[in-house]
mmCIF file of all heavy atoms, coordinates in Angstrom:
data_MODEL
# 
_entry.id   MODEL 
# 
loop_
_atom_site.group_PDB 
_atom_site.id 
_atom_site.type_symbol 
_atom_site.label_atom_id 
_atom_site.label_alt_id 
_atom_site.label_comp_id 
_atom_site.label_asym_id 
_atom_site.label_entity_id 
_atom_site.label_seq_id 
_atom_site.pdbx_PDB_ins_code 
_atom_site.Cartn_x 
_atom_site.Cartn_y 
_atom_site.Cartn_z 
_atom_site.occupancy 
_atom_site.B_iso_or_equiv 
_atom_site.pdbx_formal_charge 
_atom_site.auth_seq_id 
_atom_site.auth_comp_id 
_atom_site.auth_asym_id 
_atom_site.auth_atom_id 
_atom_site.pdbx_PDB_model_num 
ATOM 1   N N   . ASP A 1 1  ? 0.841   -1.190  0.000   1.00 0.00 ? 1  ASP A N   1 
ATOM 2   C CA  . ASP A 1 1  ? 0.000   0.000   0.000   1.00 0.00 ? 1  ASP A CA  1 
ATOM 3   C C   . ASP A 1 1  ? 0.881   1.246   0.000   1.00 0.00 ? 1  ASP A C   1 
ATOM 4   O O   . ASP A 1 1  ? 1.921   1.270   0.653   1.00 0.00 ? 1  ASP A O   1 
ATOM 5   C CB  . ASP A 1 1  ? -0.886  0.021   1.246   1.00 0.00 ? 1  ASP A CB  1 
ATOM 6   C CG  . ASP A 1 1  ? -1.771  -1.205  1.346   1.00 0.00 ? 1  ASP A CG  1 
ATOM 7   O OD1 . ASP A 1 1  ? -2.683  -1.344  0.513   1.00 0.00 ? 1  ASP A OD1 1 
ATOM 8   O OD2 . ASP A 1 1  ? -1.531  -2.023  2.253   1.00 0.00 ? 1  ASP A OD2 1 
ATOM 9   N N   . LEU A 1 2  ? 0.466   2.270   -0.726  1.00 0.00 ? 2  LEU A N   1 
ATOM 10  C CA  . LEU A 1 2  ? 1.176   3.546   -0.745  1.00 0.00 ? 2  LEU A CA  1 
ATOM 11  C C   . LEU A 1 2  ? 0.325   4.580   -0.019  1.00 0.00 ? 2  LEU A C   1 
ATOM 12  O O   . LEU A 1 2  ? -0.845  4.768   -0.345  1.00 0.00 ? 2  LEU A O   1 
ATOM 13  C CB  . LEU A 1 2  ? 1.446   3.996   -2.182  1.00 0.00 ? 2  LEU A CB  1 
ATOM 14  C CG  . LEU A 1 2  ? 2.214   3.013   -3.072  1.00 0.00 ? 2  LEU A CG  1 
ATOM 15  C CD1 . LEU A 1 2  ? 2.461   3.632   -4.443  1.00 0.00 ? 2  LEU A CD1 1 
ATOM 16  C CD2 . LEU A 1 2  ? 3.532   2.602   -2.428  1.00 0.00 ? 2  LEU A CD2 1 
ATOM 17  N N   . LEU A 1 3  ? 0.916   5.240   0.967   1.00 0.00 ? 3  LEU A N   1 
ATOM 18  C CA  . LEU A 1 3  ? 0.188   6.211   1.787   1.00 0.00 ? 3  LEU A CA  1 
ATOM 19  C C   . LEU A 1 3  ? 0.634   7.615   1.459   1.00 0.00 ? 3  LEU A C   1 
ATOM 20  O O   . LEU A 1 3  ? 1.832   7.891   1.365   1.00 0.00 ? 3  LEU A O   1 
ATOM 21  C CB  . LEU A 1 3  ? 0.418   5.931   3.272   1.00 0.00 ? 3  LEU A CB  1 
ATOM 22  C CG  . LEU A 1 3  ? 0.118   4.509   3.761   1.00 0.00 ? 3  LEU A CG  1 
ATOM 23  C CD1 . LEU A 1 3  ? 0.416   4.388   5.248   1.00 0.00 ? 3  LEU A CD1 1 
ATOM 24  C CD2 . LEU A 1 3  ? -1.314  4.141   3.471   1.00 0.00 ? 3  LEU A CD2 1 
ATOM 25  N N   . PHE A 1 4  ? -0.326  8.510   1.287   1.00 0.00 ? 4  PHE A N   1 
ATOM 26  C CA  . PHE A 1 4  ? 0.009   9.916   1.049   1.00 0.00 ? 4  PHE A CA  1 
ATOM 27  C C   . PHE A 1 4  ? -1.213  10.781  1.355   1.00 0.00 ? 4  PHE A C   1 
ATOM 28  O O   . PHE A 1 4  ? -2.327  10.452  0.987   1.00 0.00 ? 4  PHE A O   1 
ATOM 29  C CB  . PHE A 1 4  ? 0.462   10.150  -0.394  1.00 0.00 ? 4  PHE A CB  1 
ATOM 30  C CG  . PHE A 1 4  ? -0.589  9.813   -1.436  1.00 0.00 ? 4  PHE A CG  1 
ATOM 31  C CD1 . PHE A 1 4  ? -1.426  10.800  -1.948  1.00 0.00 ? 4  PHE A CD1 1 
ATOM 32  C CD2 . PHE A 1 4  ? -0.752  8.520   -1.881  1.00 0.00 ? 4  PHE A CD2 1 
ATOM 33  C CE1 . PHE A 1 4  ? -2.390  10.506  -2.896  1.00 0.00 ? 4  PHE A CE1 1 
ATOM 34  C CE2 . PHE A 1 4  ? -1.708  8.203   -2.834  1.00 0.00 ? 4  PHE A CE2 1 
ATOM 35  C CZ  . PHE A 1 4  ? -2.536  9.194   -3.341  1.00 0.00 ? 4  PHE A CZ  1 
ATOM 36  N N   . GLU A 1 5  ? -0.988  11.865  2.058   1.00 0.00 ? 5  GLU A N   1 
ATOM 37  C CA  . GLU A 1 5  ? -1.999  12.897  2.306   1.00 0.00 ? 5  GLU A CA  1 
ATOM 38  C C   . GLU A 1 5  ? -3.330  12.326  2.798   1.00 0.00 ? 5  GLU A C   1 
ATOM 39  O O   . GLU A 1 5  ? -4.413  12.773  2.391   1.00 0.00 ? 5  GLU A O   1 
ATOM 40  C CB  . GLU A 1 5  ? -2.200  13.725  1.027   1.00 0.00 ? 5  GLU A CB  1 
ATOM 41  C CG  . GLU A 1 5  ? -0.929  14.440  0.586   1.00 0.00 ? 5  GLU A CG  1 
ATOM 42  C CD  . GLU A 1 5  ? -1.065  15.150  -0.734  1.00 0.00 ? 5  GLU A CD  1 
ATOM 43  O OE1 . GLU A 1 5  ? -1.982  15.993  -0.851  1.00 0.00 ? 5  GLU A OE1 1 
ATOM 44  O OE2 . GLU A 1 5  ? -0.269  14.888  -1.648  1.00 0.00 ? 5  GLU A OE2 1 
ATOM 45  N N   . GLY A 1 6  ? -3.264  11.338  3.686   1.00 0.00 ? 6  GLY A N   1 
ATOM 46  C CA  . GLY A 1 6  ? -4.473  10.771  4.253   1.00 0.00 ? 6  GLY A CA  1 
ATOM 47  C C   . GLY A 1 6  ? -5.185  9.778   3.357   1.00 0.00 ? 6  GLY A C   1 
ATOM 48  O O   . GLY A 1 6  ? -6.292  9.331   3.677   1.00 0.00 ? 6  GLY A O   1 
ATOM 49  N N   . ARG A 1 7  ? -4.569  9.421   2.236   1.00 0.00 ? 7  ARG A N   1 
ATOM 50  C CA  . ARG A 1 7  ? -5.182  8.498   1.293   1.00 0.00 ? 7  ARG A CA  1 
ATOM 51  C C   . ARG A 1 7  ? -4.335  7.244   1.148   1.00 0.00 ? 7  ARG A C   1 
ATOM 52  O O   . ARG A 1 7  ? -3.141  7.227   1.470   1.00 0.00 ? 7  ARG A O   1 
ATOM 53  C CB  . ARG A 1 7  ? -5.373  9.160   -0.068  1.00 0.00 ? 7  ARG A CB  1 
ATOM 54  C CG  . ARG A 1 7  ? -6.373  10.297  -0.061  1.00 0.00 ? 7  ARG A CG  1 
ATOM 55  C CD  . ARG A 1 7  ? -7.782  9.818   0.251   1.00 0.00 ? 7  ARG A CD  1 
ATOM 56  N NE  . ARG A 1 7  ? -8.727  10.925  0.357   1.00 0.00 ? 7  ARG A NE  1 
ATOM 57  C CZ  . ARG A 1 7  ? -9.079  11.483  1.508   1.00 0.00 ? 7  ARG A CZ  1 
ATOM 58  N NH1 . ARG A 1 7  ? -8.544  11.045  2.641   1.00 0.00 ? 7  ARG A NH1 1 
ATOM 59  N NH2 . ARG A 1 7  ? -9.949  12.470  1.533   1.00 0.00 ? 7  ARG A NH2 1 
ATOM 60  N N   . VAL A 1 8  ? -4.977  6.189   0.632   1.00 0.00 ? 8  VAL A N   1 
ATOM 61  C CA  . VAL A 1 8  ? -4.313  4.908   0.439   1.00 0.00 ? 8  VAL A CA  1 
ATOM 62  C C   . VAL A 1 8  ? -4.408  4.510   -1.034  1.00 0.00 ? 8  VAL A C   1 
ATOM 63  O O   . VAL A 1 8  ? -5.503  4.432   -1.583  1.00 0.00 ? 8  VAL A O   1 
ATOM 64  C CB  . VAL A 1 8  ? -4.971  3.795   1.284   1.00 0.00 ? 8  VAL A CB  1 
ATOM 65  C CG1 . VAL A 1 8  ? -4.204  2.483   1.123   1.00 0.00 ? 8  VAL A CG1 1 
ATOM 66  C CG2 . VAL A 1 8  ? -5.065  4.190   2.747   1.00 0.00 ? 8  VAL A CG2 1 
ATOM 67  N N   . MET A 1 9  ? -3.257  4.311   -1.659  1.00 0.00 ? 9  MET A N   1 
ATOM 68  C CA  . MET A 1 9  ? -3.226  3.689   -2.980  1.00 0.00 ? 9  MET A CA  1 
ATOM 69  C C   . MET A 1 9  ? -3.058  2.197   -2.688  1.00 0.00 ? 9  MET A C   1 
ATOM 70  O O   . MET A 1 9  ? -1.969  1.719   -2.388  1.00 0.00 ? 9  MET A O   1 
ATOM 71  C CB  . MET A 1 9  ? -2.057  4.229   -3.808  1.00 0.00 ? 9  MET A CB  1 
ATOM 72  C CG  . MET A 1 9  ? -2.198  4.026   -5.294  1.00 0.00 ? 9  MET A CG  1 
ATOM 73  S SD  . MET A 1 9  ? -0.882  4.940   -6.182  1.00 0.00 ? 9  MET A SD  1 
ATOM 74  C CE  . MET A 1 9  ? -1.499  4.813   -7.847  1.00 0.00 ? 9  MET A CE  1 
ATOM 75  N N   . VAL A 1 10 ? -4.184  1.496   -2.717  1.00 0.00 ? 10 VAL A N   1 
ATOM 76  C CA  . VAL A 1 10 ? -4.233  0.130   -2.206  1.00 0.00 ? 10 VAL A CA  1 
ATOM 77  C C   . VAL A 1 10 ? -3.331  -0.799  -3.015  1.00 0.00 ? 10 VAL A C   1 
ATOM 78  O O   . VAL A 1 10 ? -3.238  -0.687  -4.238  1.00 0.00 ? 10 VAL A O   1 
ATOM 79  C CB  . VAL A 1 10 ? -5.681  -0.389  -2.213  1.00 0.00 ? 10 VAL A CB  1 
ATOM 80  C CG1 . VAL A 1 10 ? -5.752  -1.822  -1.686  1.00 0.00 ? 10 VAL A CG1 1 
ATOM 81  C CG2 . VAL A 1 10 ? -6.573  0.527   -1.372  1.00 0.00 ? 10 VAL A CG2 1 
ATOM 82  N N   . GLU A 1 11 ? -2.654  -1.683  -2.301  1.00 0.00 ? 11 GLU A N   1 
ATOM 83  C CA  . GLU A 1 11 ? -1.810  -2.698  -2.929  1.00 0.00 ? 11 GLU A CA  1 
ATOM 84  C C   . GLU A 1 11 ? -2.520  -3.307  -4.140  1.00 0.00 ? 11 GLU A C   1 
ATOM 85  O O   . GLU A 1 11 ? -3.692  -3.684  -4.045  1.00 0.00 ? 11 GLU A O   1 
ATOM 86  C CB  . GLU A 1 11 ? -1.505  -3.782  -1.896  1.00 0.00 ? 11 GLU A CB  1 
ATOM 87  C CG  . GLU A 1 11 ? -0.725  -4.956  -2.420  1.00 0.00 ? 11 GLU A CG  1 
ATOM 88  C CD  . GLU A 1 11 ? -0.582  -6.059  -1.392  1.00 0.00 ? 11 GLU A CD  1 
ATOM 89  O OE1 . GLU A 1 11 ? -0.784  -5.792  -0.187  1.00 0.00 ? 11 GLU A OE1 1 
ATOM 90  O OE2 . GLU A 1 11 ? -0.261  -7.187  -1.790  1.00 0.00 ? 11 GLU A OE2 1 
ATOM 91  N N   . PRO A 1 12 ? -1.843  -3.399  -5.302  1.00 0.00 ? 12 PRO A N   1 
ATOM 92  C CA  . PRO A 1 12 ? -2.520  -3.836  -6.531  1.00 0.00 ? 12 PRO A CA  1 
ATOM 93  C C   . PRO A 1 12 ? -3.315  -5.124  -6.406  1.00 0.00 ? 12 PRO A C   1 
ATOM 94  O O   . PRO A 1 12 ? -4.463  -5.208  -6.855  1.00 0.00 ? 12 PRO A O   1 
ATOM 95  C CB  . PRO A 1 12 ? -1.366  -3.986  -7.526  1.00 0.00 ? 12 PRO A CB  1 
ATOM 96  C CG  . PRO A 1 12 ? -0.342  -3.006  -7.061  1.00 0.00 ? 12 PRO A CG  1 
ATOM 97  C CD  . PRO A 1 12 ? -0.440  -3.020  -5.565  1.00 0.00 ? 12 PRO A CD  1 
ATOM 98  N N   . MET A 1 13 ? -2.737  -6.156  -5.784  1.00 0.00 ? 13 MET A N   1 
ATOM 99  C CA  . MET A 1 13 ? -3.433  -7.436  -5.688  1.00 0.00 ? 13 MET A CA  1 
ATOM 100 C C   . MET A 1 13 ? -4.678  -7.339  -4.815  1.00 0.00 ? 13 MET A C   1 
ATOM 101 O O   . MET A 1 13 ? -5.737  -7.886  -5.151  1.00 0.00 ? 13 MET A O   1 
ATOM 102 C CB  . MET A 1 13 ? -2.478  -8.512  -5.160  1.00 0.00 ? 13 MET A CB  1 
ATOM 103 C CG  . MET A 1 13 ? -3.046  -9.931  -5.191  1.00 0.00 ? 13 MET A CG  1 
ATOM 104 S SD  . MET A 1 13 ? -3.928  -10.328 -3.669  1.00 0.00 ? 13 MET A SD  1 
ATOM 105 C CE  . MET A 1 13 ? -2.548  -10.491 -2.518  1.00 0.00 ? 13 MET A CE  1 
ATOM 106 N N   . VAL A 1 14 ? -4.593  -6.626  -3.695  1.00 0.00 ? 14 VAL A N   1 
ATOM 107 C CA  . VAL A 1 14 ? -5.744  -6.463  -2.817  1.00 0.00 ? 14 VAL A CA  1 
ATOM 108 C C   . VAL A 1 14 ? -6.835  -5.663  -3.532  1.00 0.00 ? 14 VAL A C   1 
ATOM 109 O O   . VAL A 1 14 ? -8.018  -6.026  -3.502  1.00 0.00 ? 14 VAL A O   1 
ATOM 110 C CB  . VAL A 1 14 ? -5.329  -5.771  -1.500  1.00 0.00 ? 14 VAL A CB  1 
ATOM 111 C CG1 . VAL A 1 14 ? -6.558  -5.399  -0.668  1.00 0.00 ? 14 VAL A CG1 1 
ATOM 112 C CG2 . VAL A 1 14 ? -4.409  -6.681  -0.700  1.00 0.00 ? 14 VAL A CG2 1 
ATOM 113 N N   . PHE A 1 15 ? -6.444  -4.582  -4.171  1.00 0.00 ? 15 PHE A N   1 
ATOM 114 C CA  . PHE A 1 15 ? -7.387  -3.751  -4.930  1.00 0.00 ? 15 PHE A CA  1 
ATOM 115 C C   . PHE A 1 15 ? -8.101  -4.581  -5.997  1.00 0.00 ? 15 PHE A C   1 
ATOM 116 O O   . PHE A 1 15 ? -9.336  -4.552  -6.117  1.00 0.00 ? 15 PHE A O   1 
ATOM 117 C CB  . PHE A 1 15 ? -6.631  -2.585  -5.561  1.00 0.00 ? 15 PHE A CB  1 
ATOM 118 C CG  . PHE A 1 15 ? -7.436  -1.749  -6.520  1.00 0.00 ? 15 PHE A CG  1 
ATOM 119 C CD1 . PHE A 1 15 ? -8.479  -0.962  -6.073  1.00 0.00 ? 15 PHE A CD1 1 
ATOM 120 C CD2 . PHE A 1 15 ? -7.145  -1.750  -7.874  1.00 0.00 ? 15 PHE A CD2 1 
ATOM 121 C CE1 . PHE A 1 15 ? -9.229  -0.184  -6.955  1.00 0.00 ? 15 PHE A CE1 1 
ATOM 122 C CE2 . PHE A 1 15 ? -7.882  -0.984  -8.767  1.00 0.00 ? 15 PHE A CE2 1 
ATOM 123 C CZ  . PHE A 1 15 ? -8.920  -0.198  -8.309  1.00 0.00 ? 15 PHE A CZ  1 
ATOM 124 N N   . ALA A 1 16 ? -7.340  -5.356  -6.746  1.00 0.00 ? 16 ALA A N   1 
ATOM 125 C CA  . ALA A 1 16 ? -7.910  -6.141  -7.841  1.00 0.00 ? 16 ALA A CA  1 
ATOM 126 C C   . ALA A 1 16 ? -8.812  -7.259  -7.320  1.00 0.00 ? 16 ALA A C   1 
ATOM 127 O O   . ALA A 1 16 ? -9.897  -7.502  -7.871  1.00 0.00 ? 16 ALA A O   1 
ATOM 128 C CB  . ALA A 1 16 ? -6.802  -6.722  -8.708  1.00 0.00 ? 16 ALA A CB  1 
ATOM 129 N N   . ARG A 1 17 ? -8.394  -7.946  -6.268  1.00 0.00 ? 17 ARG A N   1 
ATOM 130 C CA  . ARG A 1 17 ? -9.215  -9.029  -5.728  1.00 0.00 ? 17 ARG A CA  1 
ATOM 131 C C   . ARG A 1 17 ? -10.519 -8.488  -5.135  1.00 0.00 ? 17 ARG A C   1 
ATOM 132 O O   . ARG A 1 17 ? -11.579 -9.118  -5.249  1.00 0.00 ? 17 ARG A O   1 
ATOM 133 C CB  . ARG A 1 17 ? -8.451  -9.821  -4.675  1.00 0.00 ? 17 ARG A CB  1 
ATOM 134 C CG  . ARG A 1 17 ? -7.415  -10.774 -5.248  1.00 0.00 ? 17 ARG A CG  1 
ATOM 135 C CD  . ARG A 1 17 ? -6.841  -11.688 -4.171  1.00 0.00 ? 17 ARG A CD  1 
ATOM 136 N NE  . ARG A 1 17 ? -7.859  -12.571 -3.613  1.00 0.00 ? 17 ARG A NE  1 
ATOM 137 C CZ  . ARG A 1 17 ? -7.678  -13.323 -2.534  1.00 0.00 ? 17 ARG A CZ  1 
ATOM 138 N NH1 . ARG A 1 17 ? -6.518  -13.277 -1.877  1.00 0.00 ? 17 ARG A NH1 1 
ATOM 139 N NH2 . ARG A 1 17 ? -8.648  -14.109 -2.084  1.00 0.00 ? 17 ARG A NH2 1 
ATOM 140 N N   . LEU A 1 18 ? -10.441 -7.328  -4.491  1.00 0.00 ? 18 LEU A N   1 
ATOM 141 C CA  . LEU A 1 18 ? -11.639 -6.720  -3.925  1.00 0.00 ? 18 LEU A CA  1 
ATOM 142 C C   . LEU A 1 18 ? -12.626 -6.360  -5.034  1.00 0.00 ? 18 LEU A C   1 
ATOM 143 O O   . LEU A 1 18 ? -13.821 -6.667  -4.944  1.00 0.00 ? 18 LEU A O   1 
ATOM 144 C CB  . LEU A 1 18 ? -11.269 -5.488  -3.107  1.00 0.00 ? 18 LEU A CB  1 
ATOM 145 C CG  . LEU A 1 18 ? -12.423 -4.787  -2.374  1.00 0.00 ? 18 LEU A CG  1 
ATOM 146 C CD1 . LEU A 1 18 ? -13.033 -5.697  -1.316  1.00 0.00 ? 18 LEU A CD1 1 
ATOM 147 C CD2 . LEU A 1 18 ? -11.935 -3.487  -1.737  1.00 0.00 ? 18 LEU A CD2 1 
ATOM 148 N N   . LEU A 1 19 ? -12.111 -5.732  -6.097  1.00 0.00 ? 19 LEU A N   1 
ATOM 149 C CA  . LEU A 1 19 ? -12.983 -5.373  -7.210  1.00 0.00 ? 19 LEU A CA  1 
ATOM 150 C C   . LEU A 1 19 ? -13.547 -6.606  -7.885  1.00 0.00 ? 19 LEU A C   1 
ATOM 151 O O   . LEU A 1 19 ? -14.732 -6.661  -8.238  1.00 0.00 ? 19 LEU A O   1 
ATOM 152 C CB  . LEU A 1 19 ? -12.227 -4.523  -8.238  1.00 0.00 ? 19 LEU A CB  1 
ATOM 153 C CG  . LEU A 1 19 ? -11.946 -3.064  -7.893  1.00 0.00 ? 19 LEU A CG  1 
ATOM 154 C CD1 . LEU A 1 19 ? -11.452 -2.329  -9.129  1.00 0.00 ? 19 LEU A CD1 1 
ATOM 155 C CD2 . LEU A 1 19 ? -13.191 -2.383  -7.350  1.00 0.00 ? 19 LEU A CD2 1 
ATOM 156 N N   . GLN A 1 20 ? -12.722 -7.602  -8.104  1.00 0.00 ? 20 GLN A N   1 
ATOM 157 C CA  . GLN A 1 20 ? -13.183 -8.829  -8.744  1.00 0.00 ? 20 GLN A CA  1 
ATOM 158 C C   . GLN A 1 20 ? -14.321 -9.466  -7.936  1.00 0.00 ? 20 GLN A C   1 
ATOM 159 O O   . GLN A 1 20 ? -15.316 -9.929  -8.506  1.00 0.00 ? 20 GLN A O   1 
ATOM 160 C CB  . GLN A 1 20 ? -12.026 -9.817  -8.874  1.00 0.00 ? 20 GLN A CB  1 
ATOM 161 C CG  . GLN A 1 20 ? -12.408 -11.158 -9.468  1.00 0.00 ? 20 GLN A CG  1 
ATOM 162 C CD  . GLN A 1 20 ? -11.188 -12.027 -9.727  1.00 0.00 ? 20 GLN A CD  1 
ATOM 163 O OE1 . GLN A 1 20 ? -10.674 -12.050 -10.835 1.00 0.00 ? 20 GLN A OE1 1 
ATOM 164 N NE2 . GLN A 1 20 ? -10.718 -12.730 -8.723  1.00 0.00 ? 20 GLN A NE2 1 
ATOM 165 N N   . SER A 1 21 ? -14.199 -9.447  -6.620  1.00 0.00 ? 21 SER A N   1 
ATOM 166 C CA  . SER A 1 21 ? -15.232 -10.015 -5.756  1.00 0.00 ? 21 SER A CA  1 
ATOM 167 C C   . SER A 1 21 ? -16.537 -9.237  -5.834  1.00 0.00 ? 21 SER A C   1 
ATOM 168 O O   . SER A 1 21 ? -17.620 -9.792  -5.614  1.00 0.00 ? 21 SER A O   1 
ATOM 169 C CB  . SER A 1 21 ? -14.734 -10.048 -4.303  1.00 0.00 ? 21 SER A CB  1 
ATOM 170 O OG  . SER A 1 21 ? -13.575 -10.851 -4.179  1.00 0.00 ? 21 SER A OG  1 
ATOM 171 N N   . ALA A 1 22 ? -16.443 -7.945  -6.149  1.00 0.00 ? 22 ALA A N   1 
ATOM 172 C CA  . ALA A 1 22 ? -17.635 -7.107  -6.281  1.00 0.00 ? 22 ALA A CA  1 
ATOM 173 C C   . ALA A 1 22 ? -18.299 -7.261  -7.646  1.00 0.00 ? 22 ALA A C   1 
ATOM 174 O O   . ALA A 1 22 ? -19.385 -6.725  -7.866  1.00 0.00 ? 22 ALA A O   1 
ATOM 175 C CB  . ALA A 1 22 ? -17.275 -5.649  -6.037  1.00 0.00 ? 22 ALA A CB  1 
ATOM 176 N N   . GLU A 1 23 ? -17.644 -7.971  -8.549  1.00 0.00 ? 23 GLU A N   1 
ATOM 177 C CA  . GLU A 1 23 ? -18.182 -8.274  -9.882  1.00 0.00 ? 23 GLU A CA  1 
ATOM 178 C C   . GLU A 1 23 ? -18.652 -7.028  -10.632 1.00 0.00 ? 23 GLU A C   1 
ATOM 179 O O   . GLU A 1 23 ? -19.821 -6.897  -10.988 1.00 0.00 ? 23 GLU A O   1 
ATOM 180 C CB  . GLU A 1 23 ? -19.323 -9.284  -9.762  1.00 0.00 ? 23 GLU A CB  1 
ATOM 181 C CG  . GLU A 1 23 ? -18.914 -10.599 -9.128  1.00 0.00 ? 23 GLU A CG  1 
ATOM 182 C CD  . GLU A 1 23 ? -20.062 -11.581 -9.015  1.00 0.00 ? 23 GLU A CD  1 
ATOM 183 O OE1 . GLU A 1 23 ? -21.219 -11.198 -9.321  1.00 0.00 ? 23 GLU A OE1 1 
ATOM 184 O OE2 . GLU A 1 23 ? -19.812 -12.732 -8.621  1.00 0.00 ? 23 GLU A OE2 1 
ATOM 185 N N   . PRO A 1 24 ? -17.741 -6.092  -10.903 1.00 0.00 ? 24 PRO A N   1 
ATOM 186 C CA  . PRO A 1 24 ? -18.129 -4.899  -11.662 1.00 0.00 ? 24 PRO A CA  1 
ATOM 187 C C   . PRO A 1 24 ? -18.536 -5.271  -13.081 1.00 0.00 ? 24 PRO A C   1 
ATOM 188 O O   . PRO A 1 24 ? -17.987 -6.198  -13.683 1.00 0.00 ? 24 PRO A O   1 
ATOM 189 C CB  . PRO A 1 24 ? -16.855 -4.047  -11.657 1.00 0.00 ? 24 PRO A CB  1 
ATOM 190 C CG  . PRO A 1 24 ? -15.746 -5.052  -11.522 1.00 0.00 ? 24 PRO A CG  1 
ATOM 191 C CD  . PRO A 1 24 ? -16.297 -6.130  -10.629 1.00 0.00 ? 24 PRO A CD  1 
ATOM 192 N N   . GLY A 1 25 ? -19.523 -4.552  -13.608 1.00 0.00 ? 25 GLY A N   1 
ATOM 193 C CA  . GLY A 1 25 ? -19.997 -4.845  -14.953 1.00 0.00 ? 25 GLY A CA  1 
ATOM 194 C C   . GLY A 1 25 ? -20.054 -3.597  -15.807 1.00 0.00 ? 25 GLY A C   1 
ATOM 195 O O   . GLY A 1 25 ? -20.014 -2.466  -15.294 1.00 0.00 ? 25 GLY A O   1 
ATOM 196 N N   . PRO A 1 26 ? -20.154 -3.745  -17.122 1.00 0.00 ? 26 PRO A N   1 
ATOM 197 C CA  . PRO A 1 26 ? -20.116 -2.603  -18.038 1.00 0.00 ? 26 PRO A CA  1 
ATOM 198 C C   . PRO A 1 26 ? -21.292 -1.652  -17.908 1.00 0.00 ? 26 PRO A C   1 
ATOM 199 O O   . PRO A 1 26 ? -21.238 -0.528  -18.425 1.00 0.00 ? 26 PRO A O   1 
ATOM 200 C CB  . PRO A 1 26 ? -20.093 -3.265  -19.426 1.00 0.00 ? 26 PRO A CB  1 
ATOM 201 C CG  . PRO A 1 26 ? -20.694 -4.625  -19.207 1.00 0.00 ? 26 PRO A CG  1 
ATOM 202 C CD  . PRO A 1 26 ? -20.276 -5.030  -17.828 1.00 0.00 ? 26 PRO A CD  1 
ATOM 203 N N   . ASP A 1 27 ? -22.361 -2.058  -17.224 1.00 0.00 ? 27 ASP A N   1 
ATOM 204 C CA  . ASP A 1 27 ? -23.518 -1.179  -17.040 1.00 0.00 ? 27 ASP A CA  1 
ATOM 205 C C   . ASP A 1 27 ? -23.558 -0.540  -15.656 1.00 0.00 ? 27 ASP A C   1 
ATOM 206 O O   . ASP A 1 27 ? -24.501 0.191   -15.343 1.00 0.00 ? 27 ASP A O   1 
ATOM 207 C CB  . ASP A 1 27 ? -24.818 -1.966  -17.269 1.00 0.00 ? 27 ASP A CB  1 
ATOM 208 C CG  . ASP A 1 27 ? -24.939 -2.494  -18.692 1.00 0.00 ? 27 ASP A CG  1 
ATOM 209 O OD1 . ASP A 1 27 ? -24.480 -1.792  -19.617 1.00 0.00 ? 27 ASP A OD1 1 
ATOM 210 O OD2 . ASP A 1 27 ? -25.477 -3.605  -18.870 1.00 0.00 ? 27 ASP A OD2 1 
ATOM 211 N N   . ASP A 1 28 ? -22.558 -0.795  -14.839 1.00 0.00 ? 28 ASP A N   1 
ATOM 212 C CA  . ASP A 1 28 ? -22.573 -0.303  -13.466 1.00 0.00 ? 28 ASP A CA  1 
ATOM 213 C C   . ASP A 1 28 ? -22.287 1.191   -13.371 1.00 0.00 ? 28 ASP A C   1 
ATOM 214 O O   . ASP A 1 28 ? -21.401 1.723   -14.055 1.00 0.00 ? 28 ASP A O   1 
ATOM 215 C CB  . ASP A 1 28 ? -21.530 -1.045  -12.617 1.00 0.00 ? 28 ASP A CB  1 
ATOM 216 C CG  . ASP A 1 28 ? -22.009 -2.419  -12.182 1.00 0.00 ? 28 ASP A CG  1 
ATOM 217 O OD1 . ASP A 1 28 ? -23.224 -2.680  -12.239 1.00 0.00 ? 28 ASP A OD1 1 
ATOM 218 O OD2 . ASP A 1 28 ? -21.161 -3.245  -11.786 1.00 0.00 ? 28 ASP A OD2 1 
ATOM 219 N N   . TYR A 1 29 ? -23.031 1.842   -12.481 1.00 0.00 ? 29 TYR A N   1 
ATOM 220 C CA  . TYR A 1 29 ? -22.793 3.234   -12.119 1.00 0.00 ? 29 TYR A CA  1 
ATOM 221 C C   . TYR A 1 29 ? -22.102 3.186   -10.755 1.00 0.00 ? 29 TYR A C   1 
ATOM 222 O O   . TYR A 1 29 ? -22.647 2.636   -9.792  1.00 0.00 ? 29 TYR A O   1 
ATOM 223 C CB  . TYR A 1 29 ? -24.121 3.981   -12.043 1.00 0.00 ? 29 TYR A CB  1 
ATOM 224 C CG  . TYR A 1 29 ? -24.017 5.462   -11.831 1.00 0.00 ? 29 TYR A CG  1 
ATOM 225 C CD1 . TYR A 1 29 ? -23.017 6.226   -12.441 1.00 0.00 ? 29 TYR A CD1 1 
ATOM 226 C CD2 . TYR A 1 29 ? -24.945 6.132   -11.031 1.00 0.00 ? 29 TYR A CD2 1 
ATOM 227 C CE1 . TYR A 1 29 ? -22.938 7.587   -12.257 1.00 0.00 ? 29 TYR A CE1 1 
ATOM 228 C CE2 . TYR A 1 29 ? -24.882 7.503   -10.842 1.00 0.00 ? 29 TYR A CE2 1 
ATOM 229 C CZ  . TYR A 1 29 ? -23.876 8.219   -11.465 1.00 0.00 ? 29 TYR A CZ  1 
ATOM 230 O OH  . TYR A 1 29 ? -23.803 9.581   -11.280 1.00 0.00 ? 29 TYR A OH  1 
# 
């Protein structure tokens, strides 16, 4: 994870696995 100015640039694998689990789709808002 990269930390800066109170924000987190989440570790790539964690970010990707979290998104994959949420099953984003092309029609999602």
